Amino acid sequence: MTRCIICVILFSSALAYTGASNIQEAIITDPSISRRCESLVDNRRRKVKHRQRLTYLNERNKKLQKATPVAKKSIRQKLIENQKSIFKELRLTNLRIQDIEESIIRRGCPGISL
């Protein structure tokens, strides 16, 4: 008697587990949501690449400032102005990336890991 009950419990739990995995596979996602999520992820990827470029330019600018002789005041001044503009753009890009990530999370894009 107890063997029958144990077998029934094991069999029903196995069926319930396979049913749950089939439900996850059968969920249909709206194509417009998928396109919107793809667009947001692609935009984020481009902004991250832009941030990497700006970081590289900032490092290169610092090296040029160190290598510039003190007598070349105009060049040094242009490099300082350039560094300020790079820093501003880098800060704006970081804010934009953060905004995009929040949009991705708010929209509930499935399967996205940031």
N, C-alpha and C. Protein backbone atom coordinates (compact mmCIF):
# COMPACT_ATOMS: atom_id res chain seq x y z
N MET A 1 0.82 -1.19 0.00
CA MET A 1 0.00 0.00 0.00
C MET A 1 0.87 1.26 0.00
N THR A 2 1.84 1.33 0.90
CA THR A 2 2.70 2.50 0.95
C THR A 2 3.56 2.60 -0.30
N ARG A 3 3.91 1.44 -0.86
CA ARG A 3 4.69 1.46 -2.11
C ARG A 3 3.88 2.09 -3.24
N CYS A 4 2.62 1.78 -3.29
CA CYS A 4 1.75 2.37 -4.33
C CYS A 4 1.65 3.88 -4.15
N ILE A 5 1.52 4.32 -2.93
CA ILE A 5 1.40 5.75 -2.66
C ILE A 5 2.70 6.47 -3.04
N ILE A 6 3.83 5.87 -2.69
CA ILE A 6 5.12 6.47 -3.03
C ILE A 6 5.31 6.52 -4.54
N CYS A 7 4.93 5.44 -5.23
CA CYS A 7 5.06 5.42 -6.69
C CYS A 7 4.18 6.49 -7.34
N VAL A 8 2.96 6.63 -6.83
CA VAL A 8 2.05 7.63 -7.38
C VAL A 8 2.60 9.04 -7.15
N ILE A 9 3.13 9.29 -5.97
CA ILE A 9 3.69 10.61 -5.67
C ILE A 9 4.88 10.91 -6.57
N LEU A 10 5.78 9.93 -6.73
CA LEU A 10 6.95 10.13 -7.59
C LEU A 10 6.54 10.36 -9.04
N PHE A 11 5.58 9.57 -9.51
CA PHE A 11 5.14 9.70 -10.89
C PHE A 11 4.46 11.05 -11.13
N SER A 12 3.63 11.49 -10.19
CA SER A 12 2.93 12.77 -10.37
C SER A 12 3.90 13.94 -10.29
N SER A 13 4.93 13.84 -9.42
CA SER A 13 5.90 14.94 -9.35
C SER A 13 6.73 15.01 -10.63
N ALA A 14 7.04 13.85 -11.23
CA ALA A 14 7.78 13.84 -12.49
C ALA A 14 6.95 14.48 -13.59
N LEU A 15 5.66 14.19 -13.63
CA LEU A 15 4.79 14.80 -14.64
C LEU A 15 4.68 16.30 -14.43
N ALA A 16 4.58 16.72 -13.19
CA ALA A 16 4.47 18.16 -12.90
C ALA A 16 5.73 18.89 -13.32
N TYR A 17 6.89 18.28 -13.12
CA TYR A 17 8.16 18.92 -13.48
C TYR A 17 8.28 19.06 -14.99
N THR A 18 7.93 18.02 -15.75
CA THR A 18 8.02 18.12 -17.21
C THR A 18 7.00 19.10 -17.74
N GLY A 19 5.84 19.19 -17.10
CA GLY A 19 4.82 20.15 -17.52
C GLY A 19 5.29 21.58 -17.33
N ALA A 20 6.01 21.85 -16.25
CA ALA A 20 6.50 23.21 -16.00
C ALA A 20 7.54 23.61 -17.03
N SER A 21 8.41 22.69 -17.41
CA SER A 21 9.42 23.03 -18.41
C SER A 21 8.78 23.24 -19.78
N ASN A 22 7.72 22.49 -20.09
CA ASN A 22 7.04 22.68 -21.37
C ASN A 22 6.32 24.02 -21.42
N ILE A 23 5.84 24.49 -20.29
CA ILE A 23 5.15 25.79 -20.25
C ILE A 23 6.14 26.90 -20.59
N GLN A 24 7.35 26.82 -20.04
CA GLN A 24 8.35 27.85 -20.31
C GLN A 24 8.74 27.85 -21.78
N GLU A 25 8.79 26.68 -22.40
CA GLU A 25 9.14 26.62 -23.81
C GLU A 25 8.00 27.10 -24.70
N ALA A 26 6.77 26.95 -24.21
CA ALA A 26 5.60 27.29 -25.02
C ALA A 26 5.20 28.75 -24.92
N ILE A 27 5.85 29.52 -24.07
CA ILE A 27 5.49 30.93 -23.93
C ILE A 27 5.82 31.66 -25.23
N ILE A 28 4.85 32.35 -25.74
CA ILE A 28 5.03 33.08 -27.00
C ILE A 28 5.31 34.54 -26.66
N THR A 29 6.40 35.05 -27.21
CA THR A 29 6.73 36.45 -26.96
C THR A 29 6.22 37.29 -28.13
N ASP A 30 5.78 38.47 -27.81
CA ASP A 30 5.27 39.40 -28.80
C ASP A 30 6.43 39.89 -29.67
N PRO A 31 6.32 39.80 -31.00
CA PRO A 31 7.42 40.24 -31.87
C PRO A 31 7.78 41.71 -31.71
N SER A 32 6.79 42.54 -31.41
CA SER A 32 7.10 43.97 -31.25
C SER A 32 7.95 44.19 -30.00
N ILE A 33 7.71 43.41 -28.94
CA ILE A 33 8.54 43.51 -27.74
C ILE A 33 9.95 43.05 -28.06
N SER A 34 10.06 41.97 -28.82
CA SER A 34 11.39 41.47 -29.17
C SER A 34 12.17 42.49 -30.00
N ARG A 35 11.50 43.11 -30.96
CA ARG A 35 12.18 44.12 -31.79
C ARG A 35 12.60 45.31 -30.95
N ARG A 36 11.72 45.74 -30.04
CA ARG A 36 12.04 46.87 -29.18
C ARG A 36 13.23 46.53 -28.28
N CYS A 37 13.23 45.33 -27.73
CA CYS A 37 14.34 44.90 -26.87
C CYS A 37 15.64 44.80 -27.66
N GLU A 38 15.55 44.26 -28.87
CA GLU A 38 16.75 44.17 -29.71
C GLU A 38 17.29 45.56 -30.02
N SER A 39 16.37 46.49 -30.28
CA SER A 39 16.78 47.86 -30.56
C SER A 39 17.48 48.48 -29.35
N LEU A 40 16.91 48.29 -28.16
CA LEU A 40 17.51 48.84 -26.94
C LEU A 40 18.88 48.22 -26.66
N VAL A 41 18.98 46.92 -26.84
CA VAL A 41 20.26 46.24 -26.58
C VAL A 41 21.30 46.67 -27.59
N ASP A 42 20.88 46.82 -28.86
CA ASP A 42 21.82 47.27 -29.89
C ASP A 42 22.29 48.70 -29.61
N ASN A 43 21.37 49.55 -29.20
CA ASN A 43 21.72 50.94 -28.86
C ASN A 43 22.69 50.97 -27.68
N ARG A 44 22.46 50.12 -26.69
CA ARG A 44 23.35 50.05 -25.53
C ARG A 44 24.74 49.58 -25.95
N ARG A 45 24.78 48.58 -26.82
CA ARG A 45 26.06 48.06 -27.30
C ARG A 45 26.86 49.14 -28.01
N ARG A 46 26.17 49.95 -28.84
CA ARG A 46 26.86 51.04 -29.54
C ARG A 46 27.37 52.09 -28.57
N LYS A 47 26.57 52.41 -27.55
CA LYS A 47 27.00 53.41 -26.56
C LYS A 47 28.18 52.90 -25.73
N VAL A 48 28.20 51.63 -25.41
CA VAL A 48 29.33 51.07 -24.66
C VAL A 48 30.59 51.13 -25.50
N LYS A 49 30.46 50.83 -26.79
CA LYS A 49 31.61 50.92 -27.68
C LYS A 49 32.10 52.37 -27.78
N HIS A 50 31.16 53.31 -27.83
CA HIS A 50 31.52 54.73 -27.87
C HIS A 50 32.23 55.15 -26.59
N ARG A 51 31.76 54.63 -25.45
CA ARG A 51 32.41 54.93 -24.17
C ARG A 51 33.85 54.40 -24.15
N GLN A 52 34.06 53.23 -24.71
CA GLN A 52 35.41 52.68 -24.76
C GLN A 52 36.33 53.55 -25.63
N ARG A 53 35.79 54.03 -26.74
CA ARG A 53 36.59 54.93 -27.59
C ARG A 53 36.95 56.21 -26.86
N LEU A 54 35.98 56.78 -26.16
CA LEU A 54 36.23 58.02 -25.41
C LEU A 54 37.26 57.80 -24.30
N THR A 55 37.20 56.67 -23.65
CA THR A 55 38.18 56.36 -22.60
C THR A 55 39.57 56.27 -23.20
N TYR A 56 39.67 55.63 -24.37
CA TYR A 56 40.97 55.54 -25.04
C TYR A 56 41.47 56.93 -25.43
N LEU A 57 40.59 57.76 -25.97
CA LEU A 57 40.99 59.12 -26.36
C LEU A 57 41.44 59.93 -25.15
N ASN A 58 40.78 59.75 -24.03
CA ASN A 58 41.16 60.45 -22.81
C ASN A 58 42.56 60.03 -22.35
N GLU A 59 42.83 58.74 -22.39
CA GLU A 59 44.16 58.25 -22.01
C GLU A 59 45.23 58.78 -22.97
N ARG A 60 44.92 58.77 -24.25
CA ARG A 60 45.88 59.27 -25.25
C ARG A 60 46.14 60.76 -25.05
N ASN A 61 45.10 61.50 -24.71
CA ASN A 61 45.24 62.93 -24.47
C ASN A 61 46.13 63.19 -23.26
N LYS A 62 45.97 62.39 -22.20
CA LYS A 62 46.82 62.55 -21.02
C LYS A 62 48.28 62.30 -21.35
N LYS A 63 48.54 61.28 -22.17
CA LYS A 63 49.93 60.99 -22.57
C LYS A 63 50.51 62.13 -23.39
N LEU A 64 49.69 62.69 -24.28
CA LEU A 64 50.16 63.82 -25.09
C LEU A 64 50.44 65.04 -24.22
N GLN A 65 49.63 65.26 -23.21
CA GLN A 65 49.88 66.39 -22.31
C GLN A 65 51.19 66.22 -21.56
N LYS A 66 51.50 65.00 -21.15
CA LYS A 66 52.76 64.75 -20.46
C LYS A 66 53.95 64.93 -21.40
N ALA A 67 53.76 64.54 -22.67
CA ALA A 67 54.87 64.61 -23.62
C ALA A 67 55.07 66.00 -24.20
N THR A 68 54.08 66.88 -24.08
CA THR A 68 54.17 68.23 -24.64
C THR A 68 55.12 69.09 -23.80
N PRO A 69 56.06 69.76 -24.45
CA PRO A 69 56.97 70.65 -23.71
C PRO A 69 56.21 71.82 -23.09
N VAL A 70 56.74 72.33 -22.00
CA VAL A 70 56.10 73.44 -21.29
C VAL A 70 56.06 74.69 -22.15
N ALA A 71 57.03 74.85 -23.03
CA ALA A 71 57.10 76.05 -23.87
C ALA A 71 55.95 76.11 -24.89
N LYS A 72 55.36 75.00 -25.23
CA LYS A 72 54.26 74.96 -26.21
C LYS A 72 52.92 75.18 -25.49
N LYS A 73 52.69 76.41 -25.11
CA LYS A 73 51.51 76.74 -24.31
C LYS A 73 50.21 76.58 -25.09
N SER A 74 50.22 76.96 -26.36
CA SER A 74 48.98 76.89 -27.15
C SER A 74 48.56 75.42 -27.36
N ILE A 75 49.54 74.56 -27.61
CA ILE A 75 49.22 73.14 -27.81
C ILE A 75 48.70 72.55 -26.50
N ARG A 76 49.36 72.89 -25.40
CA ARG A 76 48.94 72.39 -24.10
C ARG A 76 47.52 72.86 -23.78
N GLN A 77 47.21 74.12 -24.10
CA GLN A 77 45.87 74.66 -23.85
C GLN A 77 44.82 73.92 -24.68
N LYS A 78 45.12 73.64 -25.94
CA LYS A 78 44.18 72.91 -26.79
C LYS A 78 43.96 71.49 -26.28
N LEU A 79 45.03 70.87 -25.79
CA LEU A 79 44.90 69.52 -25.24
C LEU A 79 44.03 69.53 -23.97
N ILE A 80 44.17 70.56 -23.16
CA ILE A 80 43.35 70.66 -21.95
C ILE A 80 41.88 70.87 -22.31
N GLU A 81 41.62 71.72 -23.29
CA GLU A 81 40.24 71.94 -23.74
C GLU A 81 39.66 70.65 -24.33
N ASN A 82 40.49 69.96 -25.09
CA ASN A 82 40.05 68.70 -25.69
C ASN A 82 39.72 67.68 -24.60
N GLN A 83 40.54 67.63 -23.57
CA GLN A 83 40.29 66.69 -22.48
C GLN A 83 38.98 67.02 -21.76
N LYS A 84 38.70 68.30 -21.58
CA LYS A 84 37.45 68.70 -20.94
C LYS A 84 36.25 68.26 -21.77
N SER A 85 36.33 68.46 -23.08
CA SER A 85 35.20 68.07 -23.94
C SER A 85 35.03 66.55 -23.96
N ILE A 86 36.15 65.82 -23.97
CA ILE A 86 36.07 64.35 -23.93
C ILE A 86 35.43 63.90 -22.62
N PHE A 87 35.83 64.54 -21.52
CA PHE A 87 35.28 64.17 -20.22
C PHE A 87 33.77 64.44 -20.16
N LYS A 88 33.33 65.58 -20.71
CA LYS A 88 31.89 65.90 -20.74
C LYS A 88 31.12 64.85 -21.54
N GLU A 89 31.66 64.53 -22.71
CA GLU A 89 30.98 63.55 -23.55
C GLU A 89 30.97 62.17 -22.90
N LEU A 90 32.05 61.83 -22.22
CA LEU A 90 32.12 60.55 -21.51
C LEU A 90 31.07 60.49 -20.40
N ARG A 91 30.92 61.58 -19.68
CA ARG A 91 29.92 61.64 -18.61
C ARG A 91 28.50 61.51 -19.18
N LEU A 92 28.23 62.20 -20.28
CA LEU A 92 26.91 62.10 -20.92
C LEU A 92 26.65 60.69 -21.45
N THR A 93 27.69 60.08 -22.01
CA THR A 93 27.54 58.72 -22.52
C THR A 93 27.24 57.75 -21.39
N ASN A 94 27.91 57.91 -20.26
CA ASN A 94 27.64 57.04 -19.11
C ASN A 94 26.20 57.21 -18.62
N LEU A 95 25.72 58.44 -18.61
CA LEU A 95 24.33 58.67 -18.21
C LEU A 95 23.36 58.04 -19.19
N ARG A 96 23.68 58.15 -20.47
CA ARG A 96 22.81 57.56 -21.50
C ARG A 96 22.79 56.03 -21.39
N ILE A 97 23.95 55.43 -21.13
CA ILE A 97 24.00 53.97 -20.96
C ILE A 97 23.16 53.56 -19.77
N GLN A 98 23.26 54.30 -18.69
CA GLN A 98 22.47 53.99 -17.50
C GLN A 98 20.97 54.11 -17.80
N ASP A 99 20.58 55.12 -18.56
CA ASP A 99 19.19 55.31 -18.95
C ASP A 99 18.70 54.15 -19.82
N ILE A 100 19.54 53.72 -20.75
CA ILE A 100 19.17 52.61 -21.62
C ILE A 100 19.00 51.33 -20.81
N GLU A 101 19.92 51.09 -19.87
CA GLU A 101 19.82 49.89 -19.04
C GLU A 101 18.54 49.91 -18.20
N GLU A 102 18.17 51.07 -17.69
CA GLU A 102 16.93 51.18 -16.93
C GLU A 102 15.72 50.94 -17.83
N SER A 103 15.79 51.40 -19.07
CA SER A 103 14.69 51.16 -20.01
C SER A 103 14.56 49.68 -20.32
N ILE A 104 15.70 49.01 -20.48
CA ILE A 104 15.67 47.57 -20.75
C ILE A 104 15.02 46.84 -19.58
N ILE A 105 15.38 47.23 -18.37
CA ILE A 105 14.82 46.56 -17.19
C ILE A 105 13.34 46.88 -17.05
N ARG A 106 12.94 48.14 -17.30
CA ARG A 106 11.53 48.54 -17.18
C ARG A 106 10.67 47.83 -18.21
N ARG A 107 11.19 47.67 -19.40
CA ARG A 107 10.41 47.02 -20.47
C ARG A 107 10.27 45.52 -20.22
N GLY A 108 11.14 44.98 -19.38
CA GLY A 108 11.04 43.55 -19.07
C GLY A 108 11.48 42.68 -20.22
N CYS A 109 12.58 43.04 -20.83
CA CYS A 109 13.08 42.24 -21.94
C CYS A 109 13.49 40.86 -21.45
N PRO A 110 12.96 39.81 -22.07
CA PRO A 110 13.26 38.45 -21.60
C PRO A 110 14.67 38.02 -21.97
N GLY A 111 15.32 37.35 -21.04
CA GLY A 111 16.64 36.76 -21.31
C GLY A 111 17.76 37.75 -21.46
N ILE A 112 17.65 38.94 -20.93
CA ILE A 112 18.69 39.95 -21.05
C ILE A 112 19.52 39.96 -19.78
N SER A 113 20.83 39.86 -19.96
CA SER A 113 21.73 40.02 -18.81
C SER A 113 22.69 41.15 -19.14
N LEU A 114 22.77 42.12 -18.26
CA LEU A 114 23.60 43.30 -18.50
C LEU A 114 24.95 43.15 -17.88
